[in-house]
Amino acid sequence: MRRAYLDWAASAPVHPAARAAAIEALEILGNASSPHAEGRRARDLVERAREQVARLARCSPREVVFTASGTEANALAVIGGHRAVGGKVAVSTIEHPSVLLAARSLDAEVLTLPCTSDGAIDLARAEELLAGGAGLLAVQVANNETGVLQPVRELAALAARAGARLHLDAVQAAGKIDLGFATERAHTLSLSAHKLGGIAGAGALVARRGAEPVPLIPGHQERGLRGGTYAVVAIAAFGAVAEAVEREFDERRQRILRATRELERIVREAAPDAVVHGGAAERVPGIVNVRFPGVDGETLLLALDLAGVAASHGAACSTGAMEPSHVLLAMGLDPAEARSCVRFSVGDSTSDEELAHFASALGPALRAARL
């Protein structure tokens, strides 16, 4: 059966450049920390990947700390950052669970910044809450459920006035927008390989000089900021896809935009009453969160899957929880409305055939999911 993969925000298909780099790395013997020739060859792959990721992130290679995931990078920034500076920790109501759970694990006062109905952090309320000071502010560049771009420049200014270190979760923004403006303002910034088309098992934290977090995993690797044997295959693939994404950035973005617009057209045609969350806000291309009034979202996802369409409710790490999205609740939806929502996400290689298949499957799936 034909299938349409519309869940890129959960994990992108492996990019050909990443696959080729992984296969090459599998032929390399040795631990990248070993001093012999085999170890040096493995280390060369790691350092090449560091340079490639740094170019995508617009930072110095020395500032790139490899981790096992974007989740670990966020935990290192939030928990390790708090251990370095202390004070209150500020997060928004719409952050990824990896940031929210990291903040809640701390023995510190957590300031929770609300968002508007459009899904952007409420700057007026943020200013009020941060006026009393904070040690760390951790926010997304682009929301993982709605794609809404957050007011990073303004939040950075508020953080500076509050004397707070700024962490930016750029996992969903990387490869879709130029990260230069974010990296310039952030003390730390997180990335994930498999969201770009790399292999799951590699992430990175950009830690600016003088703003290094206290390590969560002690060890001599990564300048002492993250211990553990290097996952050379995943790291090499990360570097290769970062380089490919950077090289193809404009063309890739246009392909994602075209696929996003076509997906939204299909949704409007099949369900004229559907609501795109954050539709009036500035969003990264590729993520479309839709509420279908009178439809059970879980049933819709099952019907789409049976028809050969992969989509999701939101963050993959919370799939199966059967709880309404905390992001949508923060935007003002009630639990029933939030349960009628589905996130579709596309990428640069989403094909016309996949979108045509989605168009043929959506109408029958909606009828099957009507309450």
Protein backbone atom coordinates (compact mmCIF):
# COMPACT_ATOMS: atom_id res chain seq x y z
CA MET A 1 0.00 0.00 0.00
CA ARG A 2 1.19 3.50 -0.81
CA ARG A 3 2.04 5.62 2.20
CA ALA A 4 2.45 9.35 2.79
CA TYR A 5 4.87 10.27 5.57
CA LEU A 6 3.62 13.51 7.13
CA ASP A 7 5.42 13.34 10.48
CA TRP A 8 8.75 15.01 9.71
CA ALA A 9 8.61 17.03 12.94
CA ALA A 10 8.88 13.75 14.86
CA SER A 11 11.75 12.42 12.75
CA ALA A 12 12.84 13.27 9.23
CA PRO A 13 13.70 10.55 6.71
CA VAL A 14 17.43 9.89 6.60
CA HIS A 15 19.10 12.22 4.10
CA PRO A 16 21.25 10.55 1.41
CA ALA A 17 24.30 12.50 2.61
CA ALA A 18 23.77 11.26 6.16
CA ARG A 19 23.36 7.68 4.98
CA ALA A 20 26.57 7.86 2.94
CA ALA A 21 28.52 9.35 5.85
CA ALA A 22 27.21 6.70 8.23
CA ILE A 23 28.25 3.88 5.90
CA GLU A 24 31.71 5.41 5.56
CA ALA A 25 32.00 5.78 9.34
CA LEU A 26 31.03 2.14 9.87
CA GLU A 27 34.27 1.19 8.15
CA ILE A 28 36.35 3.12 10.64
CA LEU A 29 37.81 1.11 13.51
CA GLY A 30 38.70 2.54 16.88
CA ASN A 31 37.52 4.76 19.67
CA ALA A 32 37.66 8.45 18.77
CA SER A 33 39.46 9.14 22.07
CA SER A 34 42.22 6.60 21.45
CA PRO A 35 45.70 7.86 20.46
CA HIS A 36 46.48 5.27 17.76
CA ALA A 37 45.94 5.67 14.01
CA GLU A 38 42.50 4.05 14.06
CA GLY A 39 41.39 6.30 16.88
CA ARG A 40 42.72 9.37 15.11
CA ARG A 41 40.75 8.49 11.98
CA ALA A 42 37.57 8.22 14.03
CA ARG A 43 38.39 11.49 15.79
CA ASP A 44 38.89 13.18 12.42
CA LEU A 45 35.30 12.29 11.51
CA VAL A 46 34.04 13.76 14.77
CA GLU A 47 35.98 17.00 14.30
CA ARG A 48 34.86 17.33 10.69
CA ALA A 49 31.26 16.93 11.85
CA ARG A 50 31.85 19.56 14.54
CA GLU A 51 32.89 22.05 11.86
CA GLN A 52 29.89 21.16 9.69
CA VAL A 53 27.40 21.57 12.53
CA ALA A 54 29.06 24.83 13.58
CA ARG A 55 28.53 26.30 10.11
CA LEU A 56 24.83 25.46 10.25
CA ALA A 57 24.53 26.90 13.76
CA ARG A 58 26.63 29.99 12.91
CA CYS A 59 29.10 29.44 15.73
CA SER A 60 32.68 28.40 16.37
CA PRO A 61 33.39 24.64 16.18
CA ARG A 62 34.84 24.87 19.68
CA GLU A 63 31.39 25.85 20.94
CA VAL A 64 29.70 22.66 19.66
CA VAL A 65 29.19 19.98 22.33
CA PHE A 66 27.94 16.66 20.97
CA THR A 67 25.20 14.89 22.91
CA ALA A 68 23.02 11.85 22.27
CA SER A 69 19.89 13.87 21.43
CA GLY A 70 18.17 17.23 21.46
CA THR A 71 16.56 16.18 24.73
CA GLU A 72 19.96 15.69 26.34
CA ALA A 73 21.16 19.00 24.93
CA ASN A 74 18.16 20.75 26.49
CA ALA A 75 18.72 19.00 29.82
CA LEU A 76 22.39 19.99 29.79
CA ALA A 77 21.47 23.60 29.08
CA VAL A 78 18.70 23.82 31.68
CA ILE A 79 20.01 21.65 34.52
CA GLY A 80 23.70 22.28 33.85
CA GLY A 81 23.04 25.95 33.17
CA HIS A 82 21.15 26.37 36.42
CA ARG A 83 23.95 24.66 38.33
CA ALA A 84 26.35 27.16 36.81
CA VAL A 85 24.40 30.36 37.54
CA GLY A 86 21.69 29.54 40.10
CA GLY A 87 18.62 31.72 40.58
CA LYS A 88 15.11 31.35 39.22
CA VAL A 89 14.47 29.43 36.00
CA ALA A 90 12.02 30.82 33.45
CA VAL A 91 10.32 28.69 30.79
CA SER A 92 7.15 29.15 28.77
CA THR A 93 3.96 27.11 28.94
CA ILE A 94 4.54 25.84 25.39
CA GLU A 95 8.06 24.42 25.67
CA HIS A 96 9.02 20.91 24.61
CA PRO A 97 8.64 18.37 27.46
CA SER A 98 12.42 17.98 27.65
CA VAL A 99 12.72 21.60 28.77
CA LEU A 100 9.68 21.61 31.04
CA LEU A 101 10.67 18.40 32.82
CA ALA A 102 14.27 19.53 33.20
CA ALA A 103 13.11 22.80 34.80
CA ARG A 104 10.69 21.01 37.12
CA SER A 105 13.43 18.66 38.29
CA LEU A 106 15.41 21.55 39.76
CA ASP A 107 15.33 22.75 43.33
CA ALA A 108 14.56 26.25 42.08
CA GLU A 109 11.63 28.58 41.58
CA VAL A 110 10.26 28.13 38.06
CA LEU A 111 8.71 31.15 36.35
CA THR A 112 6.17 30.05 33.73
CA LEU A 113 5.64 32.50 30.88
CA PRO A 114 2.18 32.31 29.26
CA CYS A 115 1.48 32.50 25.55
CA THR A 116 -1.10 34.26 23.41
CA SER A 117 -3.90 32.52 21.51
CA ASP A 118 -1.63 32.63 18.45
CA GLY A 119 0.91 30.42 20.21
CA ALA A 120 3.63 33.01 20.79
CA ILE A 121 5.04 33.84 24.20
CA ASP A 122 3.21 36.83 25.71
CA LEU A 123 5.94 39.47 25.88
CA ALA A 124 4.09 41.80 28.27
CA ARG A 125 3.57 39.00 30.79
CA ALA A 126 7.11 37.77 30.24
CA GLU A 127 8.47 41.21 31.08
CA GLU A 128 6.41 41.32 34.27
CA LEU A 129 7.53 37.87 35.39
CA LEU A 130 11.20 38.44 34.58
CA ALA A 131 11.31 41.87 36.22
CA GLY A 132 12.13 40.25 39.54
CA GLY A 133 15.21 38.58 38.10
CA ALA A 134 16.10 35.10 36.86
CA GLY A 135 19.23 33.05 36.40
CA LEU A 136 18.14 31.24 33.26
CA LEU A 137 15.51 31.69 30.54
CA ALA A 138 14.88 28.66 28.29
CA VAL A 139 12.57 29.04 25.28
CA GLN A 140 12.06 27.62 21.82
CA VAL A 141 12.88 29.31 18.55
CA ALA A 142 9.99 27.50 16.85
CA ASN A 143 7.29 25.50 18.60
CA ASN A 144 7.37 21.79 17.84
CA GLU A 145 3.57 21.43 17.69
CA THR A 146 2.46 24.57 15.86
CA GLY A 147 5.64 25.78 14.17
CA VAL A 148 5.05 29.28 15.56
CA LEU A 149 8.25 31.32 15.69
CA GLN A 150 8.86 32.88 19.07
CA PRO A 151 9.91 36.53 19.63
CA VAL A 152 13.53 35.61 20.29
CA ARG A 153 15.01 39.08 19.86
CA GLU A 154 12.61 40.61 22.36
CA LEU A 155 12.99 37.73 24.81
CA ALA A 156 16.77 38.03 24.60
CA ALA A 157 16.47 41.70 25.55
CA LEU A 158 14.23 40.81 28.50
CA ALA A 159 16.68 38.11 29.60
CA ALA A 160 19.56 40.59 29.46
CA ARG A 161 17.65 43.09 31.59
CA ALA A 162 16.84 40.36 34.10
CA GLY A 163 20.48 39.25 34.19
CA ALA A 164 19.49 35.80 32.91
CA ARG A 165 21.38 33.32 30.78
CA LEU A 166 19.39 32.54 27.59
CA HIS A 167 18.94 29.02 26.24
CA LEU A 168 17.24 28.56 22.87
CA ASP A 169 15.78 25.24 21.76
CA ALA A 170 16.39 25.38 17.99
CA VAL A 171 15.57 21.74 17.27
CA GLN A 172 12.56 22.51 15.04
CA ALA A 173 14.03 25.69 13.56
CA ALA A 174 17.35 24.35 12.29
CA GLY A 175 17.40 23.93 8.55
CA LYS A 176 14.22 25.98 8.14
CA ILE A 177 15.47 29.43 9.15
CA ASP A 178 18.92 30.95 9.37
CA LEU A 179 20.04 30.54 12.97
CA GLY A 180 22.46 33.46 12.97
CA PHE A 181 20.16 35.83 14.85
CA ALA A 182 19.41 33.16 17.46
CA THR A 183 23.02 32.10 18.01
CA GLU A 184 24.09 35.73 18.37
CA ARG A 185 21.68 36.19 21.27
CA ALA A 186 21.84 32.80 22.99
CA HIS A 187 24.27 31.58 25.62
CA THR A 188 23.32 28.00 24.68
CA LEU A 189 21.36 26.54 21.77
CA SER A 190 20.21 22.96 21.13
CA LEU A 191 20.04 20.92 17.92
CA SER A 192 18.99 17.37 17.01
CA ALA A 193 20.38 15.33 14.11
CA HIS A 194 17.33 13.25 13.24
CA LYS A 195 15.05 16.28 12.88
CA LEU A 196 17.29 17.34 9.98
CA GLY A 197 17.59 13.97 8.30
CA GLY A 198 20.44 12.55 10.35
CA ILE A 199 20.41 9.41 12.45
CA ALA A 200 18.81 9.29 15.89
CA GLY A 201 21.50 9.17 18.54
CA ALA A 202 23.23 12.50 17.97
CA GLY A 203 22.41 16.01 19.13
CA ALA A 204 24.40 19.10 19.94
CA LEU A 205 24.50 21.95 22.40
CA VAL A 206 26.09 25.17 21.25
CA ALA A 207 27.68 26.55 24.42
CA ARG A 208 29.15 30.01 23.98
CA ARG A 209 32.51 30.70 25.55
CA GLY A 210 32.11 31.76 29.15
CA ALA A 211 28.59 30.28 29.32
CA GLU A 212 29.43 26.60 29.63
CA PRO A 213 26.99 24.52 31.72
CA VAL A 214 28.05 22.25 34.54
CA PRO A 215 28.29 18.75 32.97
CA LEU A 216 25.60 16.19 33.68
CA ILE A 217 27.77 13.28 32.53
CA PRO A 218 31.32 13.74 33.83
CA GLY A 219 34.15 12.69 31.55
CA HIS A 220 37.10 13.95 29.57
CA GLN A 221 35.31 14.15 26.21
CA GLU A 222 33.85 17.38 24.82
CA ARG A 223 36.11 19.65 26.85
CA GLY A 224 34.81 17.96 29.99
CA LEU A 225 31.25 19.12 29.28
CA ARG A 226 29.86 15.72 28.25
CA GLY A 227 31.52 12.40 28.97
CA GLY A 228 31.01 9.17 27.05
CA THR A 229 32.40 7.30 24.05
CA TYR A 230 31.72 9.16 20.82
CA ALA A 231 28.87 7.78 18.66
CA VAL A 232 31.02 8.27 15.58
CA VAL A 233 28.51 6.93 13.05
CA ALA A 234 25.65 9.15 14.24
CA ILE A 235 27.92 12.17 14.65
CA ALA A 236 29.42 11.78 11.16
CA ALA A 237 25.91 11.53 9.71
CA PHE A 238 24.90 14.63 11.68
CA GLY A 239 27.75 16.60 10.20
CA ALA A 240 27.01 15.43 6.67
CA VAL A 241 23.33 16.37 6.81
CA ALA A 242 24.15 19.72 8.45
CA GLU A 243 26.48 20.49 5.54
CA ALA A 244 23.88 19.39 2.97
CA VAL A 245 21.13 21.42 4.61
CA GLU A 246 23.37 24.49 4.75
CA ARG A 247 24.41 24.10 1.10
CA GLU A 248 20.85 23.56 -0.17
CA PHE A 249 19.20 25.96 2.28
CA ASP A 250 17.25 28.28 -0.06
CA GLU A 251 16.09 25.58 -2.45
CA ARG A 252 15.23 23.27 0.43
CA ARG A 253 13.20 25.94 2.19
CA GLN A 254 11.22 26.65 -0.97
CA ARG A 255 10.40 22.96 -1.40
CA ILE A 256 9.19 22.78 2.20
CA LEU A 257 7.10 25.91 1.73
CA ARG A 258 5.46 24.52 -1.42
CA ALA A 259 4.62 21.25 0.33
CA THR A 260 3.24 23.14 3.35
CA ARG A 261 0.97 25.31 1.20
CA GLU A 262 -0.33 22.30 -0.72
CA LEU A 263 -1.02 20.42 2.51
CA GLU A 264 -2.97 23.37 3.88
CA ARG A 265 -4.93 23.61 0.61
CA ILE A 266 -5.86 19.93 0.87
CA VAL A 267 -7.02 20.39 4.47
CA ARG A 268 -9.16 23.43 3.61
CA GLU A 269 -10.76 21.62 0.69
CA ALA A 270 -11.59 18.50 2.72
CA ALA A 271 -12.64 20.37 5.87
CA PRO A 272 -13.66 24.03 5.32
CA ASP A 273 -14.29 24.43 9.06
CA ALA A 274 -10.79 23.28 10.02
CA VAL A 275 -8.64 25.69 12.04
CA VAL A 276 -4.86 25.97 11.57
CA HIS A 277 -3.36 26.86 14.94
CA GLY A 278 -0.95 29.76 14.73
CA GLY A 279 -2.24 30.38 11.23
CA ALA A 280 -2.06 34.14 11.70
CA ALA A 281 1.41 34.04 13.25
CA GLU A 282 4.83 33.70 11.66
CA ARG A 283 5.70 30.01 11.47
CA VAL A 284 8.53 27.86 10.25
CA PRO A 285 7.59 26.01 7.08
CA GLY A 286 6.73 22.35 7.39
CA ILE A 287 4.50 22.19 10.50
CA VAL A 288 0.71 22.48 10.30
CA ASN A 289 -1.38 21.89 13.42
CA VAL A 290 -5.07 21.53 12.55
CA ARG A 291 -8.22 21.35 14.64
CA PHE A 292 -11.06 19.47 12.98
CA PRO A 293 -14.25 20.44 14.87
CA GLY A 294 -16.45 17.48 15.74
CA VAL A 295 -13.68 14.96 15.05
CA ASP A 296 -11.84 12.71 17.48
CA GLY A 297 -8.17 13.26 16.74
CA GLU A 298 -7.04 9.82 17.94
CA THR A 299 -9.58 8.09 15.70
CA LEU A 300 -8.56 10.31 12.81
CA LEU A 301 -4.90 9.39 13.24
CA LEU A 302 -5.79 5.69 13.28
CA ALA A 303 -7.97 6.04 10.19
CA LEU A 304 -5.22 7.92 8.36
CA ASP A 305 -2.64 5.31 9.35
CA LEU A 306 -4.85 2.53 8.02
CA ALA A 307 -5.20 4.53 4.80
CA GLY A 308 -1.43 4.90 4.52
CA VAL A 309 -0.85 8.36 6.03
CA ALA A 310 1.50 8.94 8.98
CA ALA A 311 0.76 11.98 11.17
CA SER A 312 0.71 12.71 14.90
CA HIS A 313 -0.84 14.67 17.75
CA GLY A 314 2.38 16.50 18.58
CA ALA A 315 5.58 15.68 20.42
CA ALA A 316 6.47 12.06 19.67
CA CYS A 317 7.74 11.52 23.22
CA SER A 318 4.21 12.06 24.55
CA THR A 319 2.42 9.89 21.99
CA GLY A 320 0.20 7.34 23.69
CA ALA A 321 -0.33 9.51 26.76
CA MET A 322 -3.91 10.25 25.60
CA GLU A 323 -3.68 13.61 27.31
CA PRO A 324 -4.58 16.82 25.47
CA SER A 325 -1.61 18.83 24.25
CA HIS A 326 -0.22 21.19 26.88
CA VAL A 327 0.69 23.59 24.04
CA LEU A 328 -2.88 23.79 22.75
CA LEU A 329 -4.29 24.11 26.26
CA ALA A 330 -1.90 27.00 26.88
CA MET A 331 -3.21 28.65 23.71
CA GLY A 332 -6.71 28.63 25.20
CA LEU A 333 -8.29 25.47 23.78
CA ASP A 334 -10.36 23.31 26.06
CA PRO A 335 -9.46 19.61 26.41
CA ALA A 336 -12.13 18.46 23.92
CA GLU A 337 -10.92 20.95 21.31
CA ALA A 338 -7.29 19.94 21.86
CA ARG A 339 -8.19 16.27 21.33
CA SER A 340 -9.62 17.12 17.91
CA CYS A 341 -6.23 18.33 16.66
CA VAL A 342 -3.64 16.66 14.45
CA ARG A 343 -0.13 17.81 13.54
CA PHE A 344 0.96 17.28 9.96
CA SER A 345 4.58 17.97 9.05
CA VAL A 346 6.40 17.82 5.72
CA GLY A 347 9.92 18.28 4.44
CA ASP A 348 12.00 18.99 1.38
CA SER A 349 11.50 15.54 -0.16
CA THR A 350 7.77 15.27 0.50
CA SER A 351 6.51 14.24 -2.94
CA ASP A 352 3.51 15.29 -4.99
CA GLU A 353 2.46 11.63 -4.92
CA GLU A 354 2.44 11.61 -1.11
CA LEU A 355 0.34 14.76 -0.98
CA ALA A 356 -2.06 13.38 -3.59
CA HIS A 357 -2.42 10.22 -1.53
CA PHE A 358 -3.12 12.34 1.56
CA ALA A 359 -5.78 14.24 -0.38
CA SER A 360 -7.53 11.00 -1.32
CA ALA A 361 -7.34 9.63 2.24
CA LEU A 362 -8.31 12.66 4.32
CA GLY A 363 -12.01 12.89 3.45
CA PRO A 364 -12.88 9.26 4.23
CA ALA A 365 -10.75 9.39 7.39
CA LEU A 366 -12.59 12.49 8.61
CA ARG A 367 -15.95 10.81 8.05
CA ALA A 368 -14.79 7.79 10.04
CA ALA A 369 -13.64 10.03 12.91
CA ARG A 370 -16.74 12.20 13.26
CA LEU A 371 -18.11 12.22 16.80
